[in-house]
Amino acid sequence: MGLMNLFGFGKDKGQKVFEEEAEAAAKITAQIEGALGGINNLDVKYDDGTVTLCGDCESQAQREQAILMAGNVQGVTGVLANELKAPEPPEKQAKVEFYEIKSGDSLSLIAKRYYGDPMAYKRIYEANREVIGDNPDLIYPGQQIRIPLD
């Protein structure tokens, strides 16, 4: 059996997407498809806080966004994405770091920390638009985002 990559998330953090566990997989599927689309054969399973994602993504960035969207749902403690495939990244793959939002953070403060420029928050927002939503000011402690580093 191969190594299983489990991405951990805070169970009580995130957007409330489902009321009952029986509807969790369908609601998370709808959320990912609505924001990202283009994931062929997307299959989402939910079992006691763990989401398993399967399917074929168009890019590594789309794969990362799907993992973050599933993980940043209230009630999810982990995401298994071994069967969520993406094309091999090109040699010059953009470098990305994952970051967990802390109390008092804003995208401007995070941009200042990573790039030395608070106005570079737009770069972080654009890399996480599907995860954050329409308002870059609505982030919350425990939410995980991608920070482009190239």
C-alpha atoms as a PDB file:
ATOM      1  CA  MET A   1       0.000   0.000   0.000  1.00  0.00           C
ATOM      2  CA  GLY A   2       1.381   3.428  -0.972  1.00  0.00           C
ATOM      3  CA  LEU A   3       1.973   6.370   1.285  1.00  0.00           C
ATOM      4  CA  MET A   4      -1.264   8.195   2.062  1.00  0.00           C
ATOM      5  CA  ASN A   5      -1.126  11.968   2.089  1.00  0.00           C
ATOM      6  CA  LEU A   6      -3.606  13.351   4.590  1.00  0.00           C
ATOM      7  CA  PHE A   7      -3.989  17.126   4.658  1.00  0.00           C
ATOM      8  CA  GLY A   8      -5.136  18.186   8.153  1.00  0.00           C
ATOM      9  CA  PHE A   9      -7.710  20.886   8.894  1.00  0.00           C
ATOM     10  CA  GLY A  10      -9.540  22.272  11.959  1.00  0.00           C
ATOM     11  CA  LYS A  11     -12.946  20.589  12.371  1.00  0.00           C
ATOM     12  CA  ASP A  12     -14.720  23.614  13.831  1.00  0.00           C
ATOM     13  CA  LYS A  13     -13.188  26.085  11.383  1.00  0.00           C
ATOM     14  CA  GLY A  14     -14.451  27.000   7.972  1.00  0.00           C
ATOM     15  CA  GLN A  15     -17.606  27.589   6.047  1.00  0.00           C
ATOM     16  CA  LYS A  16     -20.715  25.693   7.091  1.00  0.00           C
ATOM     17  CA  VAL A  17     -21.721  23.812   3.949  1.00  0.00           C
ATOM     18  CA  PHE A  18     -23.707  20.856   5.290  1.00  0.00           C
ATOM     19  CA  GLU A  19     -26.077  20.198   8.188  1.00  0.00           C
ATOM     20  CA  GLU A  20     -25.954  16.395   8.305  1.00  0.00           C
ATOM     21  CA  GLU A  21     -23.095  14.010   7.501  1.00  0.00           C
ATOM     22  CA  ALA A  22     -25.291  12.182   4.975  1.00  0.00           C
ATOM     23  CA  GLU A  23     -25.352  15.273   2.728  1.00  0.00           C
ATOM     24  CA  ALA A  24     -21.682  16.280   3.230  1.00  0.00           C
ATOM     25  CA  ALA A  25     -20.233  14.620   0.108  1.00  0.00           C
ATOM     26  CA  ALA A  26     -22.915  16.036  -2.194  1.00  0.00           C
ATOM     27  CA  LYS A  27     -22.613  19.566  -0.737  1.00  0.00           C
ATOM     28  CA  ILE A  28     -18.790  19.578  -0.934  1.00  0.00           C
ATOM     29  CA  THR A  29     -18.970  18.252  -4.517  1.00  0.00           C
ATOM     30  CA  ALA A  30     -21.386  21.047  -5.479  1.00  0.00           C
ATOM     31  CA  GLN A  31     -19.155  23.671  -3.874  1.00  0.00           C
ATOM     32  CA  ILE A  32     -16.002  22.469  -5.676  1.00  0.00           C
ATOM     33  CA  GLU A  33     -17.758  22.076  -9.034  1.00  0.00           C
ATOM     34  CA  GLY A  34     -19.423  25.483  -8.680  1.00  0.00           C
ATOM     35  CA  ALA A  35     -16.148  27.281  -7.999  1.00  0.00           C
ATOM     36  CA  LEU A  36     -13.644  25.277 -10.026  1.00  0.00           C
ATOM     37  CA  GLY A  37     -15.495  23.200 -12.620  1.00  0.00           C
ATOM     38  CA  GLY A  38     -13.333  21.273 -15.042  1.00  0.00           C
ATOM     39  CA  ILE A  39     -12.402  18.401 -12.695  1.00  0.00           C
ATOM     40  CA  ASN A  40     -13.239  15.276 -14.698  1.00  0.00           C
ATOM     41  CA  ASN A  41     -14.754  12.312 -12.841  1.00  0.00           C
ATOM     42  CA  LEU A  42     -14.855  14.252  -9.561  1.00  0.00           C
ATOM     43  CA  ASP A  43     -15.838  11.910  -6.749  1.00  0.00           C
ATOM     44  CA  VAL A  44     -16.125  13.097  -3.146  1.00  0.00           C
ATOM     45  CA  LYS A  45     -16.594  10.818  -0.160  1.00  0.00           C
ATOM     46  CA  TYR A  46     -17.081  11.915   3.456  1.00  0.00           C
ATOM     47  CA  ASP A  47     -16.478   9.638   6.420  1.00  0.00           C
ATOM     48  CA  ASP A  48     -16.324  10.894  10.010  1.00  0.00           C
ATOM     49  CA  GLY A  49     -14.566  14.176   9.196  1.00  0.00           C
ATOM     50  CA  THR A  50     -12.308  12.893   6.410  1.00  0.00           C
ATOM     51  CA  VAL A  51     -12.990  13.839   2.792  1.00  0.00           C
ATOM     52  CA  THR A  52     -11.580  11.635   0.043  1.00  0.00           C
ATOM     53  CA  LEU A  53     -11.215  13.345  -3.345  1.00  0.00           C
ATOM     54  CA  CYS A  54     -10.847  11.478  -6.640  1.00  0.00           C
ATOM     55  CA  GLY A  55     -10.784  12.818 -10.185  1.00  0.00           C
ATOM     56  CA  ASP A  56      -8.647  14.382 -12.898  1.00  0.00           C
ATOM     57  CA  CYS A  57      -7.687  18.049 -12.498  1.00  0.00           C
ATOM     58  CA  GLU A  58      -6.593  20.328 -15.322  1.00  0.00           C
ATOM     59  CA  SER A  59      -3.611  21.661 -13.328  1.00  0.00           C
ATOM     60  CA  GLN A  60      -1.717  21.328 -10.069  1.00  0.00           C
ATOM     61  CA  ALA A  61      -3.157  24.701  -8.961  1.00  0.00           C
ATOM     62  CA  GLN A  62      -6.718  23.414  -9.507  1.00  0.00           C
ATOM     63  CA  ARG A  63      -5.860  20.285  -7.454  1.00  0.00           C
ATOM     64  CA  GLU A  64      -4.536  22.434  -4.581  1.00  0.00           C
ATOM     65  CA  GLN A  65      -7.616  24.666  -4.688  1.00  0.00           C
ATOM     66  CA  ALA A  66      -9.951  21.639  -4.542  1.00  0.00           C
ATOM     67  CA  ILE A  67      -8.081  20.273  -1.507  1.00  0.00           C
ATOM     68  CA  LEU A  68      -8.256  23.639   0.264  1.00  0.00           C
ATOM     69  CA  MET A  69     -11.943  24.108  -0.582  1.00  0.00           C
ATOM     70  CA  ALA A  70     -12.818  20.667   0.828  1.00  0.00           C
ATOM     71  CA  GLY A  71     -10.629  21.168   3.903  1.00  0.00           C
ATOM     72  CA  ASN A  72     -11.905  24.633   4.704  1.00  0.00           C
ATOM     73  CA  VAL A  73     -15.422  23.272   5.311  1.00  0.00           C
ATOM     74  CA  GLN A  74     -16.727  23.108   8.865  1.00  0.00           C
ATOM     75  CA  GLY A  75     -16.760  19.491  10.044  1.00  0.00           C
ATOM     76  CA  VAL A  76     -13.776  18.402   7.924  1.00  0.00           C
ATOM     77  CA  THR A  77     -10.626  17.342   9.774  1.00  0.00           C
ATOM     78  CA  GLY A  78      -8.666  15.877   6.877  1.00  0.00           C
ATOM     79  CA  VAL A  79      -8.533  15.495   3.109  1.00  0.00           C
ATOM     80  CA  LEU A  80      -7.141  12.438   1.323  1.00  0.00           C
ATOM     81  CA  ALA A  81      -6.280  13.349  -2.253  1.00  0.00           C
ATOM     82  CA  ASN A  82      -4.083  10.467  -3.468  1.00  0.00           C
ATOM     83  CA  GLU A  83      -6.558   9.761  -6.283  1.00  0.00           C
ATOM     84  CA  LEU A  84      -7.039  13.430  -7.226  1.00  0.00           C
ATOM     85  CA  LYS A  85      -4.700  13.574 -10.213  1.00  0.00           C
ATOM     86  CA  ALA A  86      -3.147  16.537 -11.980  1.00  0.00           C
ATOM     87  CA  PRO A  87      -0.755  16.709 -14.929  1.00  0.00           C
ATOM     88  CA  GLU A  88       2.910  16.567 -13.990  1.00  0.00           C
ATOM     89  CA  PRO A  89       4.037  20.107 -13.275  1.00  0.00           C
ATOM     90  CA  PRO A  90       6.347  21.713 -15.817  1.00  0.00           C
ATOM     91  CA  GLU A  91       9.989  22.175 -14.854  1.00  0.00           C
ATOM     92  CA  LYS A  92       9.339  25.795 -13.924  1.00  0.00           C
ATOM     93  CA  GLN A  93       6.459  25.033 -11.545  1.00  0.00           C
ATOM     94  CA  ALA A  94       5.351  28.003  -9.462  1.00  0.00           C
ATOM     95  CA  LYS A  95       6.502  27.617  -5.863  1.00  0.00           C
ATOM     96  CA  VAL A  96       3.666  27.663  -3.348  1.00  0.00           C
ATOM     97  CA  GLU A  97       3.576  27.535   0.421  1.00  0.00           C
ATOM     98  CA  PHE A  98       0.478  26.666   2.437  1.00  0.00           C
ATOM     99  CA  TYR A  99      -0.377  29.035   5.274  1.00  0.00           C
ATOM    100  CA  GLU A 100      -2.895  28.768   8.116  1.00  0.00           C
ATOM    101  CA  ILE A 101      -4.628  32.058   8.962  1.00  0.00           C
ATOM    102  CA  LYS A 102      -4.057  33.158  12.569  1.00  0.00           C
ATOM    103  CA  SER A 103      -6.111  35.505  14.720  1.00  0.00           C
ATOM    104  CA  GLY A 104      -5.371  39.113  13.752  1.00  0.00           C
ATOM    105  CA  ASP A 105      -4.144  38.210  10.243  1.00  0.00           C
ATOM    106  CA  SER A 106      -5.215  40.068   7.143  1.00  0.00           C
ATOM    107  CA  LEU A 107      -4.119  39.432   3.581  1.00  0.00           C
ATOM    108  CA  SER A 108      -2.168  42.728   3.760  1.00  0.00           C
ATOM    109  CA  LEU A 109      -0.236  41.589   6.848  1.00  0.00           C
ATOM    110  CA  ILE A 110       0.500  38.221   5.242  1.00  0.00           C
ATOM    111  CA  ALA A 111       1.650  39.964   2.030  1.00  0.00           C
ATOM    112  CA  LYS A 112       3.935  42.241   4.060  1.00  0.00           C
ATOM    113  CA  ARG A 113       5.406  39.183   5.837  1.00  0.00           C
ATOM    114  CA  TYR A 114       6.024  37.204   2.622  1.00  0.00           C
ATOM    115  CA  TYR A 115       6.685  39.927   0.045  1.00  0.00           C
ATOM    116  CA  GLY A 116       7.591  43.010   2.090  1.00  0.00           C
ATOM    117  CA  ASP A 117       4.648  44.894   0.538  1.00  0.00           C
ATOM    118  CA  PRO A 118       1.153  44.982   2.080  1.00  0.00           C
ATOM    119  CA  MET A 119      -0.354  45.999  -1.284  1.00  0.00           C
ATOM    120  CA  ALA A 120       0.736  42.623  -2.727  1.00  0.00           C
ATOM    121  CA  TYR A 121      -2.275  41.128  -0.903  1.00  0.00           C
ATOM    122  CA  LYS A 122      -4.010  41.037  -4.309  1.00  0.00           C
ATOM    123  CA  ARG A 123      -1.557  38.353  -5.455  1.00  0.00           C
ATOM    124  CA  ILE A 124      -2.475  36.154  -2.479  1.00  0.00           C
ATOM    125  CA  TYR A 125      -6.182  36.862  -2.982  1.00  0.00           C
ATOM    126  CA  GLU A 126      -6.055  35.912  -6.679  1.00  0.00           C
ATOM    127  CA  ALA A 127      -4.309  32.615  -5.814  1.00  0.00           C
ATOM    128  CA  ASN A 128      -7.119  31.840  -3.331  1.00  0.00           C
ATOM    129  CA  ARG A 129     -10.230  33.470  -4.810  1.00  0.00           C
ATOM    130  CA  GLU A 130     -12.121  30.142  -4.895  1.00  0.00           C
ATOM    131  CA  VAL A 131     -11.231  29.457  -1.246  1.00  0.00           C
ATOM    132  CA  ILE A 132     -11.783  32.978   0.152  1.00  0.00           C
ATOM    133  CA  GLY A 133     -14.768  34.085  -1.924  1.00  0.00           C
ATOM    134  CA  ASP A 134     -15.651  37.536  -3.212  1.00  0.00           C
ATOM    135  CA  ASN A 135     -14.368  39.584  -0.255  1.00  0.00           C
ATOM    136  CA  PRO A 136     -10.617  39.482   0.503  1.00  0.00           C
ATOM    137  CA  ASP A 137     -11.339  40.834   4.008  1.00  0.00           C
ATOM    138  CA  LEU A 138     -13.392  37.762   4.974  1.00  0.00           C
ATOM    139  CA  ILE A 139     -10.714  35.343   6.139  1.00  0.00           C
ATOM    140  CA  TYR A 140     -10.799  33.530   9.459  1.00  0.00           C
ATOM    141  CA  PRO A 141      -8.375  31.839  11.870  1.00  0.00           C
ATOM    142  CA  GLY A 142      -7.747  28.220  10.943  1.00  0.00           C
ATOM    143  CA  GLN A 143      -8.468  28.725   7.242  1.00  0.00           C
ATOM    144  CA  GLN A 144      -5.672  27.477   4.979  1.00  0.00           C
ATOM    145  CA  ILE A 145      -4.549  29.316   1.855  1.00  0.00           C
ATOM    146  CA  ARG A 146      -1.827  29.143  -0.810  1.00  0.00           C
ATOM    147  CA  ILE A 147       1.005  31.709  -0.906  1.00  0.00           C
ATOM    148  CA  PRO A 148       2.693  31.992  -4.338  1.00  0.00           C
ATOM    149  CA  LEU A 149       6.457  32.332  -3.797  1.00  0.00           C
ATOM    150  CA  ASP A 150       7.973  32.687  -7.273  1.00  0.00           C
END
